[in-house]
Each structure stands twice: as structure tokens, then as C-alpha cells.
Amino acid sequence: MIIDQEENISIITQEKATIIELVKKLEALYPKFEKHNIIIKLSSLGKITIQNVNEFLRLSNKHREAKNSFVVVTNAINANEAPDEIIVVPTLKEAFDIIEMEDMERDLGF
């Protein structure tokens, strides 16, 4: 797991371990990220399924309830197949765009 920090955004890149191992690590380290927007970058992993992405659902819901963004980056699945409760985009640029839009919505009180 590689963690990069850009302002109030934590970019977490998973390269080797399984999704389940990553989710467990994130839950353990969550206090470190709870005030930041989070991007989970899965682009370097091989085969990703909707079930893999759904592993992040509980963490995503918790983070979004706290008025922070949680975005998963992978081009291995069709983002339209993901549940509405989790945001999946194919590129890192789109993840930053989503966070920017959500920050504006929060500033406007939505």
C-alpha cells in the first residue's frame, strides 16, 4: 500500500495485496485519513470485480456520512455497474474532478 498526500486528499495505491487485505488495513488506519478526501487507486491490480469494489462500501458510506469524498479508481470494471453508494471512475483525473465537484457542493450546503 502506497499513501500519497496532496492537500486534503489521501491517494492510496494498492499494488500487490488483495482487496480484502487493503480494506482491513484502511479500517485500521482510518483515523489517519478520516478528515481527508480519499482516492483508492486500484489501477495496478489485475482482475477487479464488482464484488471487490463492494468491499469498500462500508468504509465509503462511513466516510461520505462525515462529509468527505471517497472515490475508487479502476478501469477494470464498468463504473455504471457499481452501486450508487460508491463512486468508481476509470482515471485519477476523474477522481480529482469528482472531489472538486463534491467540495463545491459541500460549500454550497448540499
PDB file of N, CA and C in Angstrom:
ATOM      1  N   MET A   1       0.841  -1.169   0.000  1.00  0.00           N
ATOM      2  CA  MET A   1       0.000   0.000   0.000  1.00  0.00           C
ATOM      3  C   MET A   1       0.891   1.238   0.000  1.00  0.00           C
ATOM      4  N   ILE A   2       0.650   2.126  -0.949  1.00  0.00           N
ATOM      5  CA  ILE A   2       1.403   3.374  -1.050  1.00  0.00           C
ATOM      6  C   ILE A   2       0.434   4.515  -0.748  1.00  0.00           C
ATOM      7  N   ILE A   3       0.841   5.424   0.125  1.00  0.00           N
ATOM      8  CA  ILE A   3      -0.011   6.542   0.509  1.00  0.00           C
ATOM      9  C   ILE A   3       0.663   7.838   0.097  1.00  0.00           C
ATOM     10  N   ASP A   4      -0.038   8.620  -0.726  1.00  0.00           N
ATOM     11  CA  ASP A   4       0.422   9.946  -1.117  1.00  0.00           C
ATOM     12  C   ASP A   4      -0.567  10.962  -0.585  1.00  0.00           C
ATOM     13  N   GLN A   5      -0.052  12.126  -0.199  1.00  0.00           N
ATOM     14  CA  GLN A   5      -0.885  13.189   0.338  1.00  0.00           C
ATOM     15  C   GLN A   5      -0.790  14.407  -0.560  1.00  0.00           C
ATOM     16  N   GLU A   6      -1.929  14.923  -1.001  1.00  0.00           N
ATOM     17  CA  GLU A   6      -1.985  16.161  -1.769  1.00  0.00           C
ATOM     18  C   GLU A   6      -3.048  17.039  -1.139  1.00  0.00           C
ATOM     19  N   GLU A   7      -2.614  18.064  -0.417  1.00  0.00           N
ATOM     20  CA  GLU A   7      -3.506  18.945   0.329  1.00  0.00           C
ATOM     21  C   GLU A   7      -4.405  18.111   1.233  1.00  0.00           C
ATOM     22  N   ASN A   8      -5.725  18.148   1.008  1.00  0.00           N
ATOM     23  CA  ASN A   8      -6.646  17.398   1.868  1.00  0.00           C
ATOM     24  C   ASN A   8      -7.103  16.091   1.212  1.00  0.00           C
ATOM     25  N   ILE A   9      -6.290  15.554   0.304  1.00  0.00           N
ATOM     26  CA  ILE A   9      -6.630  14.320  -0.399  1.00  0.00           C
ATOM     27  C   ILE A   9      -5.558  13.273  -0.124  1.00  0.00           C
ATOM     28  N   SER A  10      -5.989  12.109   0.334  1.00  0.00           N
ATOM     29  CA  SER A  10      -5.090  10.973   0.514  1.00  0.00           C
ATOM     30  C   SER A  10      -5.304  10.024  -0.656  1.00  0.00           C
ATOM     31  N   ILE A  11      -4.231   9.729  -1.379  1.00  0.00           N
ATOM     32  CA  ILE A  11      -4.296   8.810  -2.510  1.00  0.00           C
ATOM     33  C   ILE A  11      -3.640   7.508  -2.062  1.00  0.00           C
ATOM     34  N   ILE A  12      -4.428   6.453  -2.028  1.00  0.00           N
ATOM     35  CA  ILE A  12      -3.955   5.164  -1.554  1.00  0.00           C
ATOM     36  C   ILE A  12      -3.884   4.218  -2.743  1.00  0.00           C
ATOM     37  N   THR A  13      -2.682   3.758  -3.053  1.00  0.00           N
ATOM     38  CA  THR A  13      -2.459   2.892  -4.204  1.00  0.00           C
ATOM     39  C   THR A  13      -2.168   1.486  -3.710  1.00  0.00           C
ATOM     40  N   GLN A  14      -2.898   0.530  -4.252  1.00  0.00           N
ATOM     41  CA  GLN A  14      -2.676  -0.867  -3.911  1.00  0.00           C
ATOM     42  C   GLN A  14      -2.003  -1.552  -5.085  1.00  0.00           C
ATOM     43  N   GLU A  15      -0.891  -2.209  -4.825  1.00  0.00           N
ATOM     44  CA  GLU A  15      -0.149  -2.844  -5.906  1.00  0.00           C
ATOM     45  C   GLU A  15      -0.138  -4.361  -5.839  1.00  0.00           C
ATOM     46  N   LYS A  16      -0.123  -4.942  -4.645  1.00  0.00           N
ATOM     47  CA  LYS A  16       0.083  -6.384  -4.563  1.00  0.00           C
ATOM     48  C   LYS A  16      -0.981  -7.138  -3.787  1.00  0.00           C
ATOM     49  N   ALA A  17      -1.314  -6.709  -2.609  1.00  0.00           N
ATOM     50  CA  ALA A  17      -2.200  -7.471  -1.733  1.00  0.00           C
ATOM     51  C   ALA A  17      -3.619  -7.533  -2.288  1.00  0.00           C
ATOM     52  N   THR A  18      -4.436  -8.327  -1.655  1.00  0.00           N
ATOM     53  CA  THR A  18      -5.820  -8.460  -2.098  1.00  0.00           C
ATOM     54  C   THR A  18      -6.640  -7.260  -1.639  1.00  0.00           C
ATOM     55  N   ILE A  19      -7.805  -7.123  -2.235  1.00  0.00           N
ATOM     56  CA  ILE A  19      -8.714  -6.043  -1.861  1.00  0.00           C
ATOM     57  C   ILE A  19      -9.121  -6.182  -0.397  1.00  0.00           C
ATOM     58  N   ILE A  20      -9.407  -7.390   0.034  1.00  0.00           N
ATOM     59  CA  ILE A  20      -9.830  -7.611   1.424  1.00  0.00           C
ATOM     60  C   ILE A  20      -8.731  -7.180   2.387  1.00  0.00           C
ATOM     61  N   GLU A  21      -7.480  -7.500   2.076  1.00  0.00           N
ATOM     62  CA  GLU A  21      -6.362  -7.066   2.921  1.00  0.00           C
ATOM     63  C   GLU A  21      -6.260  -5.547   2.942  1.00  0.00           C
ATOM     64  N   LEU A  22      -6.475  -4.914   1.795  1.00  0.00           N
ATOM     65  CA  LEU A  22      -6.422  -3.455   1.720  1.00  0.00           C
ATOM     66  C   LEU A  22      -7.519  -2.831   2.580  1.00  0.00           C
ATOM     67  N   VAL A  23      -8.725  -3.346   2.481  1.00  0.00           N
ATOM     68  CA  VAL A  23      -9.837  -2.808   3.276  1.00  0.00           C
ATOM     69  C   VAL A  23      -9.536  -2.940   4.768  1.00  0.00           C
ATOM     70  N   LYS A  24      -9.001  -4.078   5.180  1.00  0.00           N
ATOM     71  CA  LYS A  24      -8.655  -4.265   6.596  1.00  0.00           C
ATOM     72  C   LYS A  24      -7.599  -3.258   7.045  1.00  0.00           C
ATOM     73  N   LYS A  25      -6.584  -3.018   6.211  1.00  0.00           N
ATOM     74  CA  LYS A  25      -5.544  -2.027   6.540  1.00  0.00           C
ATOM     75  C   LYS A  25      -6.140  -0.622   6.635  1.00  0.00           C
ATOM     76  N   LEU A  26      -7.020  -0.296   5.679  1.00  0.00           N
ATOM     77  CA  LEU A  26      -7.641   1.029   5.686  1.00  0.00           C
ATOM     78  C   LEU A  26      -8.502   1.237   6.923  1.00  0.00           C
ATOM     79  N   GLU A  27      -9.251   0.213   7.306  1.00  0.00           N
ATOM     80  CA  GLU A  27     -10.077   0.335   8.509  1.00  0.00           C
ATOM     81  C   GLU A  27      -9.216   0.529   9.743  1.00  0.00           C
ATOM     82  N   ALA A  28      -8.083  -0.145   9.799  1.00  0.00           N
ATOM     83  CA  ALA A  28      -7.175   0.007  10.941  1.00  0.00           C
ATOM     84  C   ALA A  28      -6.528   1.394  10.968  1.00  0.00           C
ATOM     85  N   LEU A  29      -6.208   1.925   9.788  1.00  0.00           N
ATOM     86  CA  LEU A  29      -5.542   3.227   9.695  1.00  0.00           C
ATOM     87  C   LEU A  29      -6.518   4.384   9.500  1.00  0.00           C
ATOM     88  N   TYR A  30      -7.807   4.104   9.533  1.00  0.00           N
ATOM     89  CA  TYR A  30      -8.810   5.118   9.191  1.00  0.00           C
ATOM     90  C   TYR A  30      -8.663   6.441   9.956  1.00  0.00           C
ATOM     91  N   PRO A  31      -8.366   6.438  11.242  1.00  0.00           N
ATOM     92  CA  PRO A  31      -8.226   7.730  11.940  1.00  0.00           C
ATOM     93  C   PRO A  31      -7.211   8.664  11.282  1.00  0.00           C
ATOM     94  N   LYS A  32      -6.224   8.108  10.604  1.00  0.00           N
ATOM     95  CA  LYS A  32      -5.225   8.921   9.920  1.00  0.00           C
ATOM     96  C   LYS A  32      -5.818   9.644   8.705  1.00  0.00           C
ATOM     97  N   PHE A  33      -6.859   9.076   8.098  1.00  0.00           N
ATOM     98  CA  PHE A  33      -7.446   9.613   6.861  1.00  0.00           C
ATOM     99  C   PHE A  33      -8.828  10.221   7.041  1.00  0.00           C
ATOM    100  N   GLU A  34      -9.431  10.102   8.204  1.00  0.00           N
ATOM    101  CA  GLU A  34     -10.843  10.426   8.347  1.00  0.00           C
ATOM    102  C   GLU A  34     -11.200  11.873   8.024  1.00  0.00           C
ATOM    103  N   LYS A  35     -10.271  12.774   8.099  1.00  0.00           N
ATOM    104  CA  LYS A  35     -10.561  14.181   7.793  1.00  0.00           C
ATOM    105  C   LYS A  35     -10.212  14.555   6.351  1.00  0.00           C
ATOM    106  N   HIS A  36      -9.686  13.616   5.578  1.00  0.00           N
ATOM    107  CA  HIS A  36      -9.278  13.866   4.190  1.00  0.00           C
ATOM    108  C   HIS A  36     -10.262  13.238   3.215  1.00  0.00           C
ATOM    109  N   ASN A  37     -10.243  13.754   2.008  1.00  0.00           N
ATOM    110  CA  ASN A  37     -10.897  13.053   0.907  1.00  0.00           C
ATOM    111  C   ASN A  37      -9.989  11.885   0.544  1.00  0.00           C
ATOM    112  N   ILE A  38     -10.579  10.765   0.147  1.00  0.00           N
ATOM    113  CA  ILE A  38      -9.791   9.564  -0.118  1.00  0.00           C
ATOM    114  C   ILE A  38      -9.989   9.092  -1.553  1.00  0.00           C
ATOM    115  N   ILE A  39      -8.867   8.789  -2.200  1.00  0.00           N
ATOM    116  CA  ILE A  39      -8.885   8.145  -3.518  1.00  0.00           C
ATOM    117  C   ILE A  39      -8.195   6.792  -3.351  1.00  0.00           C
ATOM    118  N   ILE A  40      -8.901   5.727  -3.719  1.00  0.00           N
ATOM    119  CA  ILE A  40      -8.339   4.380  -3.693  1.00  0.00           C
ATOM    120  C   ILE A  40      -7.992   4.025  -5.130  1.00  0.00           C
ATOM    121  N   LYS A  41      -6.730   3.885  -5.403  1.00  0.00           N
ATOM    122  CA  LYS A  41      -6.259   3.635  -6.767  1.00  0.00           C
ATOM    123  C   LYS A  41      -5.935   2.149  -6.932  1.00  0.00           C
ATOM    124  N   LEU A  42      -6.763   1.471  -7.730  1.00  0.00           N
ATOM    125  CA  LEU A  42      -6.606   0.039  -7.943  1.00  0.00           C
ATOM    126  C   LEU A  42      -6.113  -0.280  -9.348  1.00  0.00           C
ATOM    127  N   SER A  43      -5.669   0.719 -10.062  1.00  0.00           N
ATOM    128  CA  SER A  43      -5.292   0.566 -11.470  1.00  0.00           C
ATOM    129  C   SER A  43      -4.205  -0.468 -11.706  1.00  0.00           C
ATOM    130  N   SER A  44      -3.300  -0.642 -10.751  1.00  0.00           N
ATOM    131  CA  SER A  44      -2.185  -1.559 -10.979  1.00  0.00           C
ATOM    132  C   SER A  44      -2.526  -3.010 -10.642  1.00  0.00           C
ATOM    133  N   LEU A  45      -3.691  -3.230 -10.037  1.00  0.00           N
ATOM    134  CA  LEU A  45      -4.101  -4.600  -9.756  1.00  0.00           C
ATOM    135  C   LEU A  45      -4.649  -5.232 -11.026  1.00  0.00           C
ATOM    136  N   GLY A  46      -4.554  -6.529 -11.103  1.00  0.00           N
ATOM    137  CA  GLY A  46      -5.040  -7.246 -12.287  1.00  0.00           C
ATOM    138  C   GLY A  46      -6.550  -7.225 -12.398  1.00  0.00           C
ATOM    139  N   LYS A  47      -7.139  -8.356 -12.188  1.00  0.00           N
ATOM    140  CA  LYS A  47      -8.581  -8.512 -12.347  1.00  0.00           C
ATOM    141  C   LYS A  47      -9.320  -7.946 -11.138  1.00  0.00           C
ATOM    142  N   ILE A  48     -10.251  -7.052 -11.397  1.00  0.00           N
ATOM    143  CA  ILE A  48     -11.089  -6.448 -10.360  1.00  0.00           C
ATOM    144  C   ILE A  48     -12.539  -6.764 -10.721  1.00  0.00           C
ATOM    145  N   THR A  49     -13.339  -7.090  -9.719  1.00  0.00           N
ATOM    146  CA  THR A  49     -14.753  -7.371  -9.946  1.00  0.00           C
ATOM    147  C   THR A  49     -15.606  -6.378  -9.160  1.00  0.00           C
ATOM    148  N   ILE A  50     -16.882  -6.369  -9.461  1.00  0.00           N
ATOM    149  CA  ILE A  50     -17.817  -5.535  -8.695  1.00  0.00           C
ATOM    150  C   ILE A  50     -17.788  -5.949  -7.224  1.00  0.00           C
ATOM    151  N   GLN A  51     -17.677  -7.241  -6.971  1.00  0.00           N
ATOM    152  CA  GLN A  51     -17.613  -7.720  -5.585  1.00  0.00           C
ATOM    153  C   GLN A  51     -16.394  -7.139  -4.863  1.00  0.00           C
ATOM    154  N   ASN A  52     -15.263  -7.008  -5.568  1.00  0.00           N
ATOM    155  CA  ASN A  52     -14.076  -6.388  -4.968  1.00  0.00           C
ATOM    156  C   ASN A  52     -14.368  -4.943  -4.590  1.00  0.00           C
ATOM    157  N   VAL A  53     -14.981  -4.210  -5.485  1.00  0.00           N
ATOM    158  CA  VAL A  53     -15.302  -2.805  -5.224  1.00  0.00           C
ATOM    159  C   VAL A  53     -16.297  -2.697  -4.068  1.00  0.00           C
ATOM    160  N   ASN A  54     -17.241  -3.618  -3.996  1.00  0.00           N
ATOM    161  CA  ASN A  54     -18.232  -3.598  -2.915  1.00  0.00           C
ATOM    162  C   ASN A  54     -17.610  -3.785  -1.537  1.00  0.00           C
ATOM    163  N   GLU A  55     -16.395  -4.322  -1.478  1.00  0.00           N
ATOM    164  CA  GLU A  55     -15.689  -4.461  -0.201  1.00  0.00           C
ATOM    165  C   GLU A  55     -15.450  -3.094   0.450  1.00  0.00           C
ATOM    166  N   PHE A  56     -15.406  -2.050  -0.357  1.00  0.00           N
ATOM    167  CA  PHE A  56     -15.164  -0.692   0.146  1.00  0.00           C
ATOM    168  C   PHE A  56     -16.446   0.014   0.577  1.00  0.00           C
ATOM    169  N   LEU A  57     -17.585  -0.614   0.386  1.00  0.00           N
ATOM    170  CA  LEU A  57     -18.876   0.043   0.598  1.00  0.00           C
ATOM    171  C   LEU A  57     -19.052   0.573   2.017  1.00  0.00           C
ATOM    172  N   ARG A  58     -18.771  -0.236   3.013  1.00  0.00           N
ATOM    173  CA  ARG A  58     -18.955   0.198   4.403  1.00  0.00           C
ATOM    174  C   ARG A  58     -18.057   1.399   4.719  1.00  0.00           C
ATOM    175  N   LEU A  59     -16.808   1.318   4.300  1.00  0.00           N
ATOM    176  CA  LEU A  59     -15.863   2.407   4.535  1.00  0.00           C
ATOM    177  C   LEU A  59     -16.275   3.664   3.771  1.00  0.00           C
ATOM    178  N   SER A  60     -16.732   3.487   2.537  1.00  0.00           N
ATOM    179  CA  SER A  60     -17.185   4.617   1.732  1.00  0.00           C
ATOM    180  C   SER A  60     -18.383   5.303   2.376  1.00  0.00           C
ATOM    181  N   ASN A  61     -19.354   4.523   2.813  1.00  0.00           N
ATOM    182  CA  ASN A  61     -20.546   5.098   3.446  1.00  0.00           C
ATOM    183  C   ASN A  61     -20.188   5.880   4.703  1.00  0.00           C
ATOM    184  N   LYS A  62     -19.319   5.314   5.516  1.00  0.00           N
ATOM    185  CA  LYS A  62     -18.877   5.981   6.751  1.00  0.00           C
ATOM    186  C   LYS A  62     -18.181   7.299   6.423  1.00  0.00           C
ATOM    187  N   HIS A  63     -17.320   7.272   5.416  1.00  0.00           N
ATOM    188  CA  HIS A  63     -16.546   8.460   5.059  1.00  0.00           C
ATOM    189  C   HIS A  63     -17.436   9.545   4.453  1.00  0.00           C
ATOM    190  N   ARG A  64     -18.370   9.140   3.613  1.00  0.00           N
ATOM    191  CA  ARG A  64     -19.260  10.114   2.978  1.00  0.00           C
ATOM    192  C   ARG A  64     -20.246  10.708   3.976  1.00  0.00           C
ATOM    193  N   GLU A  65     -20.648   9.932   4.983  1.00  0.00           N
ATOM    194  CA  GLU A  65     -21.516  10.465   6.039  1.00  0.00           C
ATOM    195  C   GLU A  65     -20.812  11.579   6.800  1.00  0.00           C
ATOM    196  N   ALA A  66     -19.500  11.493   6.886  1.00  0.00           N
ATOM    197  CA  ALA A  66     -18.695  12.514   7.561  1.00  0.00           C
ATOM    198  C   ALA A  66     -18.400  13.700   6.647  1.00  0.00           C
ATOM    199  N   LYS A  67     -19.073  13.747   5.491  1.00  0.00           N
ATOM    200  CA  LYS A  67     -18.952  14.859   4.525  1.00  0.00           C
ATOM    201  C   LYS A  67     -17.567  14.934   3.892  1.00  0.00           C
ATOM    202  N   ASN A  68     -17.016  13.775   3.549  1.00  0.00           N
ATOM    203  CA  ASN A  68     -15.761  13.694   2.811  1.00  0.00           C
ATOM    204  C   ASN A  68     -15.968  12.814   1.593  1.00  0.00           C
ATOM    205  N   SER A  69     -15.144  12.990   0.591  1.00  0.00           N
ATOM    206  CA  SER A  69     -15.258  12.209  -0.645  1.00  0.00           C
ATOM    207  C   SER A  69     -14.476  10.907  -0.530  1.00  0.00           C
ATOM    208  N   PHE A  70     -15.004   9.871  -1.186  1.00  0.00           N
ATOM    209  CA  PHE A  70     -14.366   8.566  -1.248  1.00  0.00           C
ATOM    210  C   PHE A  70     -14.548   8.070  -2.672  1.00  0.00           C
ATOM    211  N   VAL A  71     -13.444   7.927  -3.416  1.00  0.00           N
ATOM    212  CA  VAL A  71     -13.507   7.572  -4.834  1.00  0.00           C
ATOM    213  C   VAL A  71     -12.577   6.397  -5.108  1.00  0.00           C
ATOM    214  N   VAL A  72     -13.074   5.411  -5.848  1.00  0.00           N
ATOM    215  CA  VAL A  72     -12.267   4.263  -6.255  1.00  0.00           C
ATOM    216  C   VAL A  72     -11.901   4.432  -7.723  1.00  0.00           C
ATOM    217  N   VAL A  73     -10.618   4.278  -8.042  1.00  0.00           N
ATOM    218  CA  VAL A  73     -10.144   4.409  -9.419  1.00  0.00           C
ATOM    219  C   VAL A  73      -9.765   3.032  -9.956  1.00  0.00           C
ATOM    220  N   THR A  74     -10.492   2.608 -10.980  1.00  0.00           N
ATOM    221  CA  THR A  74     -10.160   1.379 -11.696  1.00  0.00           C
ATOM    222  C   THR A  74     -10.855   1.416 -13.053  1.00  0.00           C
ATOM    223  N   ASN A  75     -10.153   0.958 -14.051  1.00  0.00           N
ATOM    224  CA  ASN A  75     -10.773   0.858 -15.370  1.00  0.00           C
ATOM    225  C   ASN A  75     -11.093  -0.600 -15.704  1.00  0.00           C
ATOM    226  N   ALA A  76     -10.999  -1.475 -14.694  1.00  0.00           N
ATOM    227  CA  ALA A  76     -11.228  -2.905 -14.901  1.00  0.00           C
ATOM    228  C   ALA A  76     -12.705  -3.284 -14.879  1.00  0.00           C
ATOM    229  N   ILE A  77     -13.549  -2.367 -14.384  1.00  0.00           N
ATOM    230  CA  ILE A  77     -14.989  -2.650 -14.373  1.00  0.00           C
ATOM    231  C   ILE A  77     -15.732  -1.472 -14.979  1.00  0.00           C
ATOM    232  N   ASN A  78     -16.966  -1.708 -15.326  1.00  0.00           N
ATOM    233  CA  ASN A  78     -17.839  -0.646 -15.805  1.00  0.00           C
ATOM    234  C   ASN A  78     -18.370   0.100 -14.586  1.00  0.00           C
ATOM    235  N   ALA A  79     -18.075   1.370 -14.497  1.00  0.00           N
ATOM    236  CA  ALA A  79     -18.478   2.167 -13.335  1.00  0.00           C
ATOM    237  C   ALA A  79     -19.988   2.185 -13.156  1.00  0.00           C
ATOM    238  N   ASN A  80     -20.742   2.018 -14.222  1.00  0.00           N
ATOM    239  CA  ASN A  80     -22.205   2.013 -14.134  1.00  0.00           C
ATOM    240  C   ASN A  80     -22.739   0.779 -13.416  1.00  0.00           C
ATOM    241  N   GLU A  81     -21.922  -0.266 -13.298  1.00  0.00           N
ATOM    242  CA  GLU A  81     -22.333  -1.484 -12.609  1.00  0.00           C
ATOM    243  C   GLU A  81     -22.144  -1.379 -11.101  1.00  0.00           C
ATOM    244  N   ALA A  82     -21.385  -0.411 -10.655  1.00  0.00           N
ATOM    245  CA  ALA A  82     -21.125  -0.235  -9.223  1.00  0.00           C
ATOM    246  C   ALA A  82     -22.375   0.325  -8.542  1.00  0.00           C
ATOM    247  N   PRO A  83     -22.570   0.000  -7.263  1.00  0.00           N
ATOM    248  CA  PRO A  83     -23.718   0.556  -6.540  1.00  0.00           C
ATOM    249  C   PRO A  83     -23.623   2.076  -6.464  1.00  0.00           C
ATOM    250  N   ASP A  84     -24.764   2.730  -6.357  1.00  0.00           N
ATOM    251  CA  ASP A  84     -24.798   4.192  -6.307  1.00  0.00           C
ATOM    252  C   ASP A  84     -24.077   4.755  -5.083  1.00  0.00           C
ATOM    253  N   GLU A  85     -23.945   3.960  -4.036  1.00  0.00           N
ATOM    254  CA  GLU A  85     -23.331   4.439  -2.801  1.00  0.00           C
ATOM    255  C   GLU A  85     -21.821   4.588  -2.894  1.00  0.00           C
ATOM    256  N   ILE A  86     -21.220   4.080  -3.959  1.00  0.00           N
ATOM    257  CA  ILE A  86     -19.765   4.174  -4.084  1.00  0.00           C
ATOM    258  C   ILE A  86     -19.425   4.754  -5.453  1.00  0.00           C
ATOM    259  N   ILE A  87     -18.467   5.650  -5.477  1.00  0.00           N
ATOM    260  CA  ILE A  87     -18.086   6.302  -6.734  1.00  0.00           C
ATOM    261  C   ILE A  87     -16.884   5.573  -7.315  1.00  0.00           C
ATOM    262  N   VAL A  88     -17.036   5.107  -8.547  1.00  0.00           N
ATOM    263  CA  VAL A  88     -15.967   4.420  -9.263  1.00  0.00           C
ATOM    264  C   VAL A  88     -15.718   5.175 -10.565  1.00  0.00           C
ATOM    265  N   VAL A  89     -14.462   5.527 -10.802  1.00  0.00           N
ATOM    266  CA  VAL A  89     -14.084   6.228 -12.031  1.00  0.00           C
ATOM    267  C   VAL A  89     -12.875   5.528 -12.646  1.00  0.00           C
ATOM    268  N   PRO A  90     -12.681   5.688 -13.968  1.00  0.00           N
ATOM    269  CA  PRO A  90     -11.578   4.981 -14.620  1.00  0.00           C
ATOM    270  C   PRO A  90     -10.202   5.652 -14.515  1.00  0.00           C
ATOM    271  N   THR A  91     -10.153   6.960 -14.199  1.00  0.00           N
ATOM    272  CA  THR A  91      -8.859   7.648 -14.171  1.00  0.00           C
ATOM    273  C   THR A  91      -8.693   8.487 -12.903  1.00  0.00           C
ATOM    274  N   LEU A  92      -7.441   8.747 -12.573  1.00  0.00           N
ATOM    275  CA  LEU A  92      -7.133   9.580 -11.419  1.00  0.00           C
ATOM    276  C   LEU A  92      -7.634  11.012 -11.629  1.00  0.00           C
ATOM    277  N   LYS A  93      -7.532  11.517 -12.848  1.00  0.00           N
ATOM    278  CA  LYS A  93      -8.027  12.867 -13.157  1.00  0.00           C
ATOM    279  C   LYS A  93      -9.512  12.982 -12.832  1.00  0.00           C
ATOM    280  N   GLU A  94     -10.288  11.963 -13.221  1.00  0.00           N
ATOM    281  CA  GLU A  94     -11.721  11.989 -12.930  1.00  0.00           C
ATOM    282  C   GLU A  94     -11.981  11.941 -11.421  1.00  0.00           C
ATOM    283  N   ALA A  95     -11.150  11.234 -10.684  1.00  0.00           N
ATOM    284  CA  ALA A  95     -11.301  11.194  -9.229  1.00  0.00           C
ATOM    285  C   ALA A  95     -11.105  12.591  -8.637  1.00  0.00           C
ATOM    286  N   PHE A  96     -10.081  13.308  -9.095  1.00  0.00           N
ATOM    287  CA  PHE A  96      -9.868  14.676  -8.632  1.00  0.00           C
ATOM    288  C   PHE A  96     -11.032  15.584  -9.027  1.00  0.00           C
ATOM    289  N   ASP A  97     -11.572  15.393 -10.227  1.00  0.00           N
ATOM    290  CA  ASP A  97     -12.726  16.182 -10.671  1.00  0.00           C
ATOM    291  C   ASP A  97     -13.943  15.934  -9.785  1.00  0.00           C
ATOM    292  N   ILE A  98     -14.191  14.672  -9.431  1.00  0.00           N
ATOM    293  CA  ILE A  98     -15.316  14.325  -8.555  1.00  0.00           C
ATOM    294  C   ILE A  98     -15.145  15.003  -7.199  1.00  0.00           C
ATOM    295  N   ILE A  99     -13.951  14.928  -6.644  1.00  0.00           N
ATOM    296  CA  ILE A  99     -13.703  15.542  -5.338  1.00  0.00           C
ATOM    297  C   ILE A  99     -13.907  17.049  -5.412  1.00  0.00           C
ATOM    298  N   GLU A 100     -13.434  17.666  -6.476  1.00  0.00           N
ATOM    299  CA  GLU A 100     -13.624  19.108  -6.645  1.00  0.00           C
ATOM    300  C   GLU A 100     -15.110  19.465  -6.709  1.00  0.00           C
ATOM    301  N   MET A 101     -15.882  18.686  -7.456  1.00  0.00           N
ATOM    302  CA  MET A 101     -17.328  18.943  -7.553  1.00  0.00           C
ATOM    303  C   MET A 101     -18.016  18.743  -6.200  1.00  0.00           C
ATOM    304  N   GLU A 102     -17.649  17.671  -5.497  1.00  0.00           N
ATOM    305  CA  GLU A 102     -18.263  17.421  -4.193  1.00  0.00           C
ATOM    306  C   GLU A 102     -17.871  18.491  -3.177  1.00  0.00           C
ATOM    307  N   ASP A 103     -16.642  18.988  -3.241  1.00  0.00           N
ATOM    308  CA  ASP A 103     -16.234  20.087  -2.358  1.00  0.00           C
ATOM    309  C   ASP A 103     -17.084  21.329  -2.617  1.00  0.00           C
ATOM    310  N   MET A 104     -17.334  21.625  -3.887  1.00  0.00           N
ATOM    311  CA  MET A 104     -18.183  22.778  -4.225  1.00  0.00           C
ATOM    312  C   MET A 104     -19.603  22.582  -3.702  1.00  0.00           C
ATOM    313  N   GLU A 105     -20.142  21.367  -3.862  1.00  0.00           N
ATOM    314  CA  GLU A 105     -21.489  21.076  -3.344  1.00  0.00           C
ATOM    315  C   GLU A 105     -21.554  21.257  -1.832  1.00  0.00           C
ATOM    316  N   ARG A 106     -20.525  20.783  -1.134  1.00  0.00           N
ATOM    317  CA  ARG A 106     -20.494  20.935   0.331  1.00  0.00           C
ATOM    318  C   ARG A 106     -20.412  22.407   0.719  1.00  0.00           C
ATOM    319  N   ASP A 107     -19.618  23.182  -0.026  1.00  0.00           N
ATOM    320  CA  ASP A 107     -19.501  24.617   0.253  1.00  0.00           C
ATOM    321  C   ASP A 107     -20.831  25.334   0.053  1.00  0.00           C
ATOM    322  N   LEU A 108     -21.637  24.821  -0.876  1.00  0.00           N
ATOM    323  CA  LEU A 108     -22.951  25.422  -1.139  1.00  0.00           C
ATOM    324  C   LEU A 108     -24.038  24.869  -0.230  1.00  0.00           C
ATOM    325  N   GLY A 109     -23.694  23.914   0.609  1.00  0.00           N
ATOM    326  CA  GLY A 109     -24.635  23.384   1.582  1.00  0.00           C
ATOM    327  C   GLY A 109     -25.457  22.192   1.121  1.00  0.00           C
ATOM    328  N   PHE A 110     -25.033  21.533   0.075  1.00  0.00           N
ATOM    329  CA  PHE A 110     -25.774  20.350  -0.404  1.00  0.00           C
ATOM    330  C   PHE A 110     -25.299  19.093   0.258  1.00  0.00           C
TER     331      PHE A 110
END
